[in-house]
All heavy atoms as atom14 arrays in JSON, in Angstrom:
{
  "sequence": "AAGNHNQGIRIETNDGNFFLKLNFDHEKDILNKESQGLDYLRKNTFLQ",
  "atom14_mask": [
    [1, 1, 1, 1, 1, 0, 0, 0, 0, 0, 0, 0, 0, 0],
    [1, 1, 1, 1, 1, 0, 0, 0, 0, 0, 0, 0, 0, 0],
    [1, 1, 1, 1, 0, 0, 0, 0, 0, 0, 0, 0, 0, 0],
    [1, 1, 1, 1, 1, 1, 1, 1, 0, 0, 0, 0, 0, 0],
    [1, 1, 1, 1, 1, 1, 1, 1, 1, 1, 0, 0, 0, 0],
    [1, 1, 1, 1, 1, 1, 1, 1, 0, 0, 0, 0, 0, 0],
    [1, 1, 1, 1, 1, 1, 1, 1, 1, 0, 0, 0, 0, 0],
    [1, 1, 1, 1, 0, 0, 0, 0, 0, 0, 0, 0, 0, 0],
    [1, 1, 1, 1, 1, 1, 1, 1, 0, 0, 0, 0, 0, 0],
    [1, 1, 1, 1, 1, 1, 1, 1, 1, 1, 1, 0, 0, 0],
    [1, 1, 1, 1, 1, 1, 1, 1, 0, 0, 0, 0, 0, 0],
    [1, 1, 1, 1, 1, 1, 1, 1, 1, 0, 0, 0, 0, 0],
    [1, 1, 1, 1, 1, 1, 1, 0, 0, 0, 0, 0, 0, 0],
    [1, 1, 1, 1, 1, 1, 1, 1, 0, 0, 0, 0, 0, 0],
    [1, 1, 1, 1, 1, 1, 1, 1, 0, 0, 0, 0, 0, 0],
    [1, 1, 1, 1, 0, 0, 0, 0, 0, 0, 0, 0, 0, 0],
    [1, 1, 1, 1, 1, 1, 1, 1, 0, 0, 0, 0, 0, 0],
    [1, 1, 1, 1, 1, 1, 1, 1, 1, 1, 1, 0, 0, 0],
    [1, 1, 1, 1, 1, 1, 1, 1, 1, 1, 1, 0, 0, 0],
    [1, 1, 1, 1, 1, 1, 1, 1, 0, 0, 0, 0, 0, 0],
    [1, 1, 1, 1, 1, 1, 1, 1, 1, 0, 0, 0, 0, 0],
    [1, 1, 1, 1, 1, 1, 1, 1, 0, 0, 0, 0, 0, 0],
    [1, 1, 1, 1, 1, 1, 1, 1, 0, 0, 0, 0, 0, 0],
    [1, 1, 1, 1, 1, 1, 1, 1, 1, 1, 1, 0, 0, 0],
    [1, 1, 1, 1, 1, 1, 1, 1, 0, 0, 0, 0, 0, 0],
    [1, 1, 1, 1, 1, 1, 1, 1, 1, 1, 0, 0, 0, 0],
    [1, 1, 1, 1, 1, 1, 1, 1, 1, 0, 0, 0, 0, 0],
    [1, 1, 1, 1, 1, 1, 1, 1, 1, 0, 0, 0, 0, 0],
    [1, 1, 1, 1, 1, 1, 1, 1, 0, 0, 0, 0, 0, 0],
    [1, 1, 1, 1, 1, 1, 1, 1, 0, 0, 0, 0, 0, 0],
    [1, 1, 1, 1, 1, 1, 1, 1, 0, 0, 0, 0, 0, 0],
    [1, 1, 1, 1, 1, 1, 1, 1, 0, 0, 0, 0, 0, 0],
    [1, 1, 1, 1, 1, 1, 1, 1, 1, 0, 0, 0, 0, 0],
    [1, 1, 1, 1, 1, 1, 1, 1, 1, 0, 0, 0, 0, 0],
    [1, 1, 1, 1, 1, 1, 0, 0, 0, 0, 0, 0, 0, 0],
    [1, 1, 1, 1, 1, 1, 1, 1, 1, 0, 0, 0, 0, 0],
    [1, 1, 1, 1, 0, 0, 0, 0, 0, 0, 0, 0, 0, 0],
    [1, 1, 1, 1, 1, 1, 1, 1, 0, 0, 0, 0, 0, 0],
    [1, 1, 1, 1, 1, 1, 1, 1, 0, 0, 0, 0, 0, 0],
    [1, 1, 1, 1, 1, 1, 1, 1, 1, 1, 1, 1, 0, 0],
    [1, 1, 1, 1, 1, 1, 1, 1, 0, 0, 0, 0, 0, 0],
    [1, 1, 1, 1, 1, 1, 1, 1, 1, 1, 1, 0, 0, 0],
    [1, 1, 1, 1, 1, 1, 1, 1, 1, 0, 0, 0, 0, 0],
    [1, 1, 1, 1, 1, 1, 1, 1, 0, 0, 0, 0, 0, 0],
    [1, 1, 1, 1, 1, 1, 1, 0, 0, 0, 0, 0, 0, 0],
    [1, 1, 1, 1, 1, 1, 1, 1, 1, 1, 1, 0, 0, 0],
    [1, 1, 1, 1, 1, 1, 1, 1, 0, 0, 0, 0, 0, 0],
    [1, 1, 1, 1, 1, 1, 1, 1, 1, 0, 0, 0, 0, 0]
  ],
  "atom14_positions": [
    [[-51.36, 12.26, 30.29], [-51.24, 11.25, 31.35], [-50.32, 11.8, 32.44], [-49.39, 12.56, 32.16], [-50.67, 9.95, 30.79], [0.0, 0.0, 0.0], [0.0, 0.0, 0.0], [0.0, 0.0, 0.0], [0.0, 0.0, 0.0], [0.0, 0.0, 0.0], [0.0, 0.0, 0.0], [0.0, 0.0, 0.0], [0.0, 0.0, 0.0], [0.0, 0.0, 0.0]],
    [[-50.58, 11.39, 33.67], [-49.74, 11.83, 34.78], [-49.79, 10.8, 35.89], [-50.83, 10.19, 36.15], [-50.19, 13.19, 35.31], [0.0, 0.0, 0.0], [0.0, 0.0, 0.0], [0.0, 0.0, 0.0], [0.0, 0.0, 0.0], [0.0, 0.0, 0.0], [0.0, 0.0, 0.0], [0.0, 0.0, 0.0], [0.0, 0.0, 0.0], [0.0, 0.0, 0.0]],
    [[-48.67, 10.58, 36.53], [-48.59, 9.66, 37.65], [-47.81, 10.29, 38.78], [-47.64, 11.52, 38.84], [0.0, 0.0, 0.0], [0.0, 0.0, 0.0], [0.0, 0.0, 0.0], [0.0, 0.0, 0.0], [0.0, 0.0, 0.0], [0.0, 0.0, 0.0], [0.0, 0.0, 0.0], [0.0, 0.0, 0.0], [0.0, 0.0, 0.0], [0.0, 0.0, 0.0]],
    [[-47.3, 9.45, 39.69], [-46.56, 9.97, 40.83], [-45.22, 10.57, 40.42], [-44.69, 11.47, 41.08], [-46.31, 8.86, 41.84], [-47.59, 8.4, 42.51], [-48.53, 9.18, 42.64], [-47.63, 7.15, 42.92], [0.0, 0.0, 0.0], [0.0, 0.0, 0.0], [0.0, 0.0, 0.0], [0.0, 0.0, 0.0], [0.0, 0.0, 0.0], [0.0, 0.0, 0.0]],
    [[-44.66, 10.07, 39.33], [-43.31, 10.49, 38.95], [-43.2, 11.05, 37.54], [-42.23, 11.74, 37.24], [-42.35, 9.3, 39.07], [-42.35, 8.66, 40.42], [-41.79, 9.25, 41.53], [-42.85, 7.47, 40.84], [-41.95, 8.46, 42.57], [-42.58, 7.38, 42.18], [0.0, 0.0, 0.0], [0.0, 0.0, 0.0], [0.0, 0.0, 0.0], [0.0, 0.0, 0.0]],
    [[-44.11, 10.71, 36.67], [-43.98, 11.07, 35.27], [-45.18, 11.84, 34.75], [-46.29, 11.71, 35.27], [-43.79, 9.81, 34.41], [-42.58, 9.01, 34.82], [-41.46, 9.48, 34.75], [-42.82, 7.78, 35.26], [0.0, 0.0, 0.0], [0.0, 0.0, 0.0], [0.0, 0.0, 0.0], [0.0, 0.0, 0.0], [0.0, 0.0, 0.0], [0.0, 0.0, 0.0]],
    [[-44.93, 12.61, 33.71], [-46.0, 13.27, 32.97], [-45.87, 12.92, 31.5], [-44.76, 12.84, 30.96], [-45.92, 14.79, 33.12], [-46.23, 15.32, 34.5], [-46.19, 16.84, 34.55], [-45.59, 17.48, 33.69], [-46.83, 17.42, 35.55], [0.0, 0.0, 0.0], [0.0, 0.0, 0.0], [0.0, 0.0, 0.0], [0.0, 0.0, 0.0], [0.0, 0.0, 0.0]],
    [[-47.01, 12.7, 30.84], [-47.04, 12.47, 29.41], [-47.74, 13.64, 28.74], [-48.87, 13.98, 29.1], [0.0, 0.0, 0.0], [0.0, 0.0, 0.0], [0.0, 0.0, 0.0], [0.0, 0.0, 0.0], [0.0, 0.0, 0.0], [0.0, 0.0, 0.0], [0.0, 0.0, 0.0], [0.0, 0.0, 0.0], [0.0, 0.0, 0.0], [0.0, 0.0, 0.0]],
    [[-47.06, 14.27, 27.78], [-47.59, 15.5, 27.17], [-47.66, 15.32, 25.65], [-46.71, 14.83, 25.03], [-46.69, 16.71, 27.49], [-46.63, 16.95, 29.01], [-47.19, 17.97, 26.8], [-45.36, 16.48, 29.66], [0.0, 0.0, 0.0], [0.0, 0.0, 0.0], [0.0, 0.0, 0.0], [0.0, 0.0, 0.0], [0.0, 0.0, 0.0], [0.0, 0.0, 0.0]],
    [[-48.78, 15.71, 25.08], [-48.92, 15.76, 23.63], [-48.42, 17.12, 23.16], [-48.93, 18.16, 23.56], [-50.38, 15.57, 23.22], [-50.65, 15.65, 21.73], [-52.14, 15.43, 21.49], [-52.5, 15.5, 20.08], [-52.87, 16.62, 19.46], [-52.93, 17.77, 20.14], [-53.19, 16.59, 18.18], [0.0, 0.0, 0.0], [0.0, 0.0, 0.0], [0.0, 0.0, 0.0]],
    [[-47.39, 17.09, 22.32], [-46.77, 18.31, 21.83], [-47.18, 18.52, 20.37], [-46.92, 17.68, 19.51], [-45.23, 18.23, 21.91], [-44.77, 17.99, 23.36], [-44.6, 19.48, 21.33], [-45.0, 19.14, 24.28], [0.0, 0.0, 0.0], [0.0, 0.0, 0.0], [0.0, 0.0, 0.0], [0.0, 0.0, 0.0], [0.0, 0.0, 0.0], [0.0, 0.0, 0.0]],
    [[-47.84, 19.64, 20.1], [-48.21, 19.98, 18.73], [-47.22, 21.0, 18.19], [-46.93, 22.02, 18.83], [-49.63, 20.56, 18.67], [-50.08, 20.87, 17.24], [-51.47, 21.49, 17.2], [-52.1, 21.61, 18.28], [-51.9, 21.86, 16.09], [0.0, 0.0, 0.0], [0.0, 0.0, 0.0], [0.0, 0.0, 0.0], [0.0, 0.0, 0.0], [0.0, 0.0, 0.0]],
    [[-46.67, 20.73, 17.0], [-45.68, 21.62, 16.41], [-46.02, 21.89, 14.94], [-46.97, 21.32, 14.39], [-44.26, 20.99, 16.47], [-44.15, 19.98, 15.44], [-43.98, 20.37, 17.82], [0.0, 0.0, 0.0], [0.0, 0.0, 0.0], [0.0, 0.0, 0.0], [0.0, 0.0, 0.0], [0.0, 0.0, 0.0], [0.0, 0.0, 0.0], [0.0, 0.0, 0.0]],
    [[-45.22, 22.72, 14.32], [-45.38, 22.98, 12.89], [-44.96, 21.79, 12.04], [-45.16, 21.77, 10.82], [-44.58, 24.21, 12.48], [-43.08, 24.02, 12.68], [-42.65, 23.44, 13.68], [-42.29, 24.48, 11.74], [0.0, 0.0, 0.0], [0.0, 0.0, 0.0], [0.0, 0.0, 0.0], [0.0, 0.0, 0.0], [0.0, 0.0, 0.0], [0.0, 0.0, 0.0]],
    [[-44.36, 20.76, 12.67], [-43.91, 19.56, 11.96], [-44.65, 18.32, 12.44], [-44.14, 17.21, 12.34], [-42.4, 19.39, 12.15], [-41.8, 18.4, 11.16], [-42.3, 18.3, 10.03], [-40.83, 17.71, 11.53], [0.0, 0.0, 0.0], [0.0, 0.0, 0.0], [0.0, 0.0, 0.0], [0.0, 0.0, 0.0], [0.0, 0.0, 0.0], [0.0, 0.0, 0.0]],
    [[-45.84, 18.5, 13.0], [-46.62, 17.36, 13.48], [-46.66, 17.25, 14.99], [-46.18, 18.13, 15.71], [0.0, 0.0, 0.0], [0.0, 0.0, 0.0], [0.0, 0.0, 0.0], [0.0, 0.0, 0.0], [0.0, 0.0, 0.0], [0.0, 0.0, 0.0], [0.0, 0.0, 0.0], [0.0, 0.0, 0.0], [0.0, 0.0, 0.0], [0.0, 0.0, 0.0]],
    [[-47.21, 16.15, 15.46], [-47.38, 15.92, 16.89], [-46.34, 14.95, 17.43], [-45.92, 14.01, 16.74], [-48.78, 15.38, 17.18], [-49.87, 16.35, 16.78], [-49.67, 17.57, 16.87], [-51.01, 15.85, 16.34], [0.0, 0.0, 0.0], [0.0, 0.0, 0.0], [0.0, 0.0, 0.0], [0.0, 0.0, 0.0], [0.0, 0.0, 0.0], [0.0, 0.0, 0.0]],
    [[-45.98, 15.15, 18.69], [-45.0, 14.3, 19.35], [-45.49, 13.98, 20.76], [-46.35, 14.68, 21.31], [-43.63, 14.99, 19.42], [-43.06, 15.31, 18.07], [-43.32, 16.54, 17.47], [-42.28, 14.4, 17.4], [-42.81, 16.85, 16.23], [-41.75, 14.69, 16.15], [-42.02, 15.92, 15.56], [0.0, 0.0, 0.0], [0.0, 0.0, 0.0], [0.0, 0.0, 0.0]],
    [[-44.91, 12.93, 21.34], [-45.23, 12.56, 22.72], [-44.0, 12.82, 23.57], [-42.9, 12.33, 23.29], [-45.63, 11.09, 22.83], [-45.98, 10.67, 24.23], [-47.21, 11.01, 24.78], [-45.08, 9.97, 25.01], [-47.54, 10.63, 26.08], [-45.4, 9.58, 26.3], [-46.63, 9.92, 26.84], [0.0, 0.0, 0.0], [0.0, 0.0, 0.0], [0.0, 0.0, 0.0]],
    [[-44.18, 13.58, 24.63], [-43.09, 13.94, 25.53], [-43.33, 13.34, 26.91], [-44.38, 13.54, 27.51], [-42.97, 15.46, 25.63], [-41.94, 16.0, 26.63], [-40.52, 15.58, 26.23], [-42.04, 17.52, 26.75], [0.0, 0.0, 0.0], [0.0, 0.0, 0.0], [0.0, 0.0, 0.0], [0.0, 0.0, 0.0], [0.0, 0.0, 0.0], [0.0, 0.0, 0.0]],
    [[-42.35, 12.61, 27.4], [-42.39, 12.08, 28.76], [-41.39, 12.85, 29.61], [-40.22, 12.99, 29.23], [-42.06, 10.59, 28.77], [-42.18, 9.94, 30.15], [-41.99, 8.44, 30.05], [-42.16, 7.77, 31.41], [-42.02, 6.3, 31.33], [0.0, 0.0, 0.0], [0.0, 0.0, 0.0], [0.0, 0.0, 0.0], [0.0, 0.0, 0.0], [0.0, 0.0, 0.0]],
    [[-41.86, 13.35, 30.73], [-41.02, 14.13, 31.64], [-41.02, 13.49, 33.03], [-42.05, 12.99, 33.49], [-41.54, 15.56, 31.79], [-41.42, 16.54, 30.62], [-42.04, 17.87, 31.02], [-39.96, 16.73, 30.21], [0.0, 0.0, 0.0], [0.0, 0.0, 0.0], [0.0, 0.0, 0.0], [0.0, 0.0, 0.0], [0.0, 0.0, 0.0], [0.0, 0.0, 0.0]],
    [[-39.87, 13.52, 33.71], [-39.85, 13.3, 35.15], [-38.69, 14.08, 35.74], [-37.76, 14.47, 35.04], [-39.82, 11.81, 35.51], [-38.47, 11.17, 35.34], [-37.45, 11.7, 35.76], [-38.44, 10.0, 34.73], [0.0, 0.0, 0.0], [0.0, 0.0, 0.0], [0.0, 0.0, 0.0], [0.0, 0.0, 0.0], [0.0, 0.0, 0.0], [0.0, 0.0, 0.0]],
    [[-38.75, 14.34, 37.04], [-37.75, 15.21, 37.65], [-37.21, 14.7, 38.97], [-36.51, 15.42, 39.67], [-38.32, 16.61, 37.87], [-39.6, 16.64, 38.66], [-39.58, 16.72, 40.03], [-40.82, 16.57, 38.02], [-40.75, 16.75, 40.76], [-42.01, 16.6, 38.75], [-41.97, 16.69, 40.12], [0.0, 0.0, 0.0], [0.0, 0.0, 0.0], [0.0, 0.0, 0.0]],
    [[-37.49, 13.44, 39.32], [-37.03, 12.99, 40.64], [-36.38, 11.61, 40.58], [-36.35, 10.9, 41.57], [-38.21, 12.97, 41.62], [-39.33, 12.04, 41.19], [-39.33, 11.59, 40.03], [-40.2, 11.76, 42.02], [0.0, 0.0, 0.0], [0.0, 0.0, 0.0], [0.0, 0.0, 0.0], [0.0, 0.0, 0.0], [0.0, 0.0, 0.0], [0.0, 0.0, 0.0]],
    [[-35.82, 11.24, 39.43], [-35.17, 9.95, 39.32], [-33.74, 10.09, 38.83], [-33.23, 11.2, 38.64], [-35.95, 9.05, 38.35], [-37.31, 8.68, 38.86], [-38.41, 8.6, 38.06], [-37.73, 8.37, 40.11], [-39.46, 8.27, 38.79], [-39.07, 8.13, 40.03], [0.0, 0.0, 0.0], [0.0, 0.0, 0.0], [0.0, 0.0, 0.0], [0.0, 0.0, 0.0]],
    [[-33.08, 8.96, 38.63], [-31.73, 8.96, 38.08], [-31.72, 9.71, 36.75], [-32.65, 9.62, 35.96], [-31.25, 7.52, 37.87], [-31.19, 6.69, 39.14], [-30.08, 7.14, 40.07], [-29.15, 7.83, 39.61], [-30.15, 6.81, 41.27], [0.0, 0.0, 0.0], [0.0, 0.0, 0.0], [0.0, 0.0, 0.0], [0.0, 0.0, 0.0], [0.0, 0.0, 0.0]],
    [[-30.64, 10.42, 36.49], [-30.6, 11.29, 35.32], [-30.63, 10.54, 34.0], [-30.96, 11.12, 32.97], [-29.36, 12.19, 35.39], [-29.42, 13.2, 36.54], [-28.22, 14.11, 36.55], [-28.31, 15.12, 37.69], [-27.15, 16.05, 37.72], [0.0, 0.0, 0.0], [0.0, 0.0, 0.0], [0.0, 0.0, 0.0], [0.0, 0.0, 0.0], [0.0, 0.0, 0.0]],
    [[-30.27, 9.25, 34.02], [-30.25, 8.51, 32.76], [-31.46, 7.58, 32.58], [-31.5, 6.77, 31.66], [-28.96, 7.69, 32.64], [-28.89, 6.57, 33.68], [-29.64, 6.61, 34.68], [-28.06, 5.66, 33.49], [0.0, 0.0, 0.0], [0.0, 0.0, 0.0], [0.0, 0.0, 0.0], [0.0, 0.0, 0.0], [0.0, 0.0, 0.0], [0.0, 0.0, 0.0]],
    [[-32.47, 7.7, 33.45], [-33.55, 6.72, 33.44], [-34.33, 6.73, 32.13], [-34.69, 5.68, 31.6], [-34.5, 6.93, 34.65], [-35.48, 5.76, 34.77], [-35.22, 8.27, 34.58], [-36.22, 5.72, 36.08], [0.0, 0.0, 0.0], [0.0, 0.0, 0.0], [0.0, 0.0, 0.0], [0.0, 0.0, 0.0], [0.0, 0.0, 0.0], [0.0, 0.0, 0.0]],
    [[-34.57, 7.89, 31.55], [-35.31, 7.93, 30.29], [-34.4, 7.65, 29.1], [-34.88, 7.22, 28.05], [-36.03, 9.27, 30.14], [-37.14, 9.51, 31.16], [-37.9, 10.8, 30.84], [-38.11, 8.34, 31.23], [0.0, 0.0, 0.0], [0.0, 0.0, 0.0], [0.0, 0.0, 0.0], [0.0, 0.0, 0.0], [0.0, 0.0, 0.0], [0.0, 0.0, 0.0]],
    [[-33.1, 7.85, 29.25], [-32.17, 7.39, 28.22], [-32.24, 5.87, 28.1], [-32.25, 5.32, 26.99], [-30.74, 7.8, 28.56], [-30.55, 9.31, 28.67], [-31.19, 9.95, 29.52], [-29.71, 9.88, 27.84], [0.0, 0.0, 0.0], [0.0, 0.0, 0.0], [0.0, 0.0, 0.0], [0.0, 0.0, 0.0], [0.0, 0.0, 0.0], [0.0, 0.0, 0.0]],
    [[-32.29, 5.2, 29.24], [-32.4, 3.74, 29.23], [-33.74, 3.29, 28.66], [-33.82, 2.28, 27.96], [-32.22, 3.19, 30.65], [-30.87, 3.48, 31.28], [-29.74, 2.83, 30.5], [-28.4, 3.03, 31.19], [-27.28, 2.41, 30.44], [0.0, 0.0, 0.0], [0.0, 0.0, 0.0], [0.0, 0.0, 0.0], [0.0, 0.0, 0.0], [0.0, 0.0, 0.0]],
    [[-34.8, 4.04, 28.95], [-36.1, 3.71, 28.38], [-36.07, 3.86, 26.86], [-36.64, 3.03, 26.14], [-37.19, 4.6, 28.97], [-38.58, 4.25, 28.49], [-39.67, 4.97, 29.26], [-39.47, 5.22, 30.46], [-40.71, 5.27, 28.66], [0.0, 0.0, 0.0], [0.0, 0.0, 0.0], [0.0, 0.0, 0.0], [0.0, 0.0, 0.0], [0.0, 0.0, 0.0]],
    [[-35.39, 4.88, 26.38], [-35.26, 5.07, 24.94], [-34.52, 3.9, 24.31], [-34.92, 3.39, 23.24], [-34.52, 6.38, 24.66], [-34.33, 6.56, 23.27], [0.0, 0.0, 0.0], [0.0, 0.0, 0.0], [0.0, 0.0, 0.0], [0.0, 0.0, 0.0], [0.0, 0.0, 0.0], [0.0, 0.0, 0.0], [0.0, 0.0, 0.0], [0.0, 0.0, 0.0]],
    [[-33.44, 3.44, 24.95], [-32.71, 2.28, 24.45], [-33.61, 1.05, 24.41], [-33.58, 0.26, 23.46], [-31.5, 2.0, 25.32], [-30.39, 3.04, 25.22], [-29.24, 2.75, 26.17], [-29.19, 1.69, 26.81], [-28.31, 3.69, 26.27], [0.0, 0.0, 0.0], [0.0, 0.0, 0.0], [0.0, 0.0, 0.0], [0.0, 0.0, 0.0], [0.0, 0.0, 0.0]],
    [[-34.43, 0.9, 25.46], [-35.35, -0.24, 25.51], [-36.35, -0.21, 24.37], [-36.66, -1.25, 23.77], [0.0, 0.0, 0.0], [0.0, 0.0, 0.0], [0.0, 0.0, 0.0], [0.0, 0.0, 0.0], [0.0, 0.0, 0.0], [0.0, 0.0, 0.0], [0.0, 0.0, 0.0], [0.0, 0.0, 0.0], [0.0, 0.0, 0.0], [0.0, 0.0, 0.0]],
    [[-36.88, 0.96, 24.08], [-37.81, 1.08, 22.96], [-37.13, 0.75, 21.64], [-37.73, 0.12, 20.76], [-38.39, 2.5, 22.91], [-39.36, 2.87, 24.05], [-39.69, 4.36, 23.99], [-40.64, 2.04, 23.95], [0.0, 0.0, 0.0], [0.0, 0.0, 0.0], [0.0, 0.0, 0.0], [0.0, 0.0, 0.0], [0.0, 0.0, 0.0], [0.0, 0.0, 0.0]],
    [[-35.88, 1.17, 21.5], [-35.13, 0.85, 20.28], [-34.93, -0.66, 20.15], [-35.07, -1.22, 19.05], [-33.78, 1.56, 20.29], [-33.91, 3.07, 20.12], [-34.97, 3.53, 19.63], [-32.96, 3.8, 20.48], [0.0, 0.0, 0.0], [0.0, 0.0, 0.0], [0.0, 0.0, 0.0], [0.0, 0.0, 0.0], [0.0, 0.0, 0.0], [0.0, 0.0, 0.0]],
    [[-34.58, -1.34, 21.25], [-34.43, -2.79, 21.22], [-35.74, -3.46, 20.81], [-35.75, -4.38, 19.98], [-34.02, -3.32, 22.61], [-32.57, -3.1, 22.97], [-32.22, -2.53, 24.19], [-31.54, -3.48, 22.11], [-30.89, -2.33, 24.54], [-30.21, -3.28, 22.45], [-29.9, -2.7, 23.67], [-28.58, -2.51, 24.0], [0.0, 0.0, 0.0], [0.0, 0.0, 0.0]],
    [[-36.83, -3.02, 21.4], [-38.13, -3.6, 21.08], [-38.47, -3.4, 19.61], [-38.94, -4.33, 18.93], [-39.22, -2.99, 21.96], [-39.24, -3.42, 23.42], [-40.27, -2.6, 24.19], [-39.58, -4.91, 23.54], [0.0, 0.0, 0.0], [0.0, 0.0, 0.0], [0.0, 0.0, 0.0], [0.0, 0.0, 0.0], [0.0, 0.0, 0.0], [0.0, 0.0, 0.0]],
    [[-38.26, -2.2, 19.12], [-38.64, -1.89, 17.73], [-37.87, -2.76, 16.74], [-38.39, -3.11, 15.68], [-38.39, -0.4, 17.46], [-39.05, 0.11, 16.19], [-39.07, 1.62, 16.11], [-37.78, 2.21, 16.4], [-37.48, 2.84, 17.52], [-38.38, 3.0, 18.47], [-36.27, 3.35, 17.71], [0.0, 0.0, 0.0], [0.0, 0.0, 0.0], [0.0, 0.0, 0.0]],
    [[-36.65, -3.14, 17.08], [-35.83, -3.96, 16.18], [-36.2, -5.44, 16.25], [-35.74, -6.22, 15.41], [-34.35, -3.79, 16.52], [-33.81, -2.39, 16.26], [-32.38, -2.26, 16.76], [-31.85, -0.85, 16.55], [-30.48, -0.68, 17.11], [0.0, 0.0, 0.0], [0.0, 0.0, 0.0], [0.0, 0.0, 0.0], [0.0, 0.0, 0.0], [0.0, 0.0, 0.0]],
    [[-37.01, -5.82, 17.23], [-37.24, -7.24, 17.45], [-38.7, -7.65, 17.48], [-39.03, -8.75, 17.93], [-36.58, -7.67, 18.77], [-35.07, -7.71, 18.67], [-34.5, -8.65, 18.14], [-34.41, -6.68, 19.17], [0.0, 0.0, 0.0], [0.0, 0.0, 0.0], [0.0, 0.0, 0.0], [0.0, 0.0, 0.0], [0.0, 0.0, 0.0], [0.0, 0.0, 0.0]],
    [[-39.6, -6.78, 17.0], [-41.01, -7.14, 16.99], [-41.72, -6.47, 15.83], [-41.29, -5.42, 15.34], [-41.69, -6.73, 18.31], [-43.06, -7.14, 18.29], [-41.64, -5.22, 18.52], [0.0, 0.0, 0.0], [0.0, 0.0, 0.0], [0.0, 0.0, 0.0], [0.0, 0.0, 0.0], [0.0, 0.0, 0.0], [0.0, 0.0, 0.0], [0.0, 0.0, 0.0]],
    [[-42.79, -7.12, 15.38], [-43.62, -6.51, 14.34], [-44.68, -5.59, 14.94], [-45.39, -4.89, 14.21], [-44.29, -7.58, 13.48], [-45.22, -8.49, 14.23], [-46.53, -8.11, 14.52], [-44.79, -9.74, 14.65], [-47.39, -8.95, 15.21], [-45.65, -10.59, 15.34], [-46.95, -10.19, 15.62], [0.0, 0.0, 0.0], [0.0, 0.0, 0.0], [0.0, 0.0, 0.0]],
    [[-44.83, -5.58, 16.26], [-45.77, -4.68, 16.91], [-45.3, -3.24, 16.74], [-44.1, -2.97, 16.61], [-45.89, -5.01, 18.4], [-46.45, -6.39, 18.74], [-46.35, -6.65, 20.24], [-47.9, -6.53, 18.27], [0.0, 0.0, 0.0], [0.0, 0.0, 0.0], [0.0, 0.0, 0.0], [0.0, 0.0, 0.0], [0.0, 0.0, 0.0], [0.0, 0.0, 0.0]],
    [[-46.22, -2.31, 16.77], [-45.87, -0.91, 16.58], [-45.27, -0.34, 17.86], [-45.93, -0.27, 18.9], [-47.1, -0.08, 16.18], [-46.77, 1.37, 15.86], [-47.97, 2.17, 15.41], [-49.11, 1.73, 15.56], [-47.73, 3.35, 14.86], [0.0, 0.0, 0.0], [0.0, 0.0, 0.0], [0.0, 0.0, 0.0], [0.0, 0.0, 0.0], [0.0, 0.0, 0.0]]
  ]
}
């Protein structure tokens, strides 16, 4: 996936697959905050 600001990459490794989100033109902590948001969601919903 790719947009104006972000790229989504499927990373294949010797330990399985991962999803990598990259961006290079925003605040330096923007994806740290997104990670925190995902953690909040995971603790408060039965959705995956």
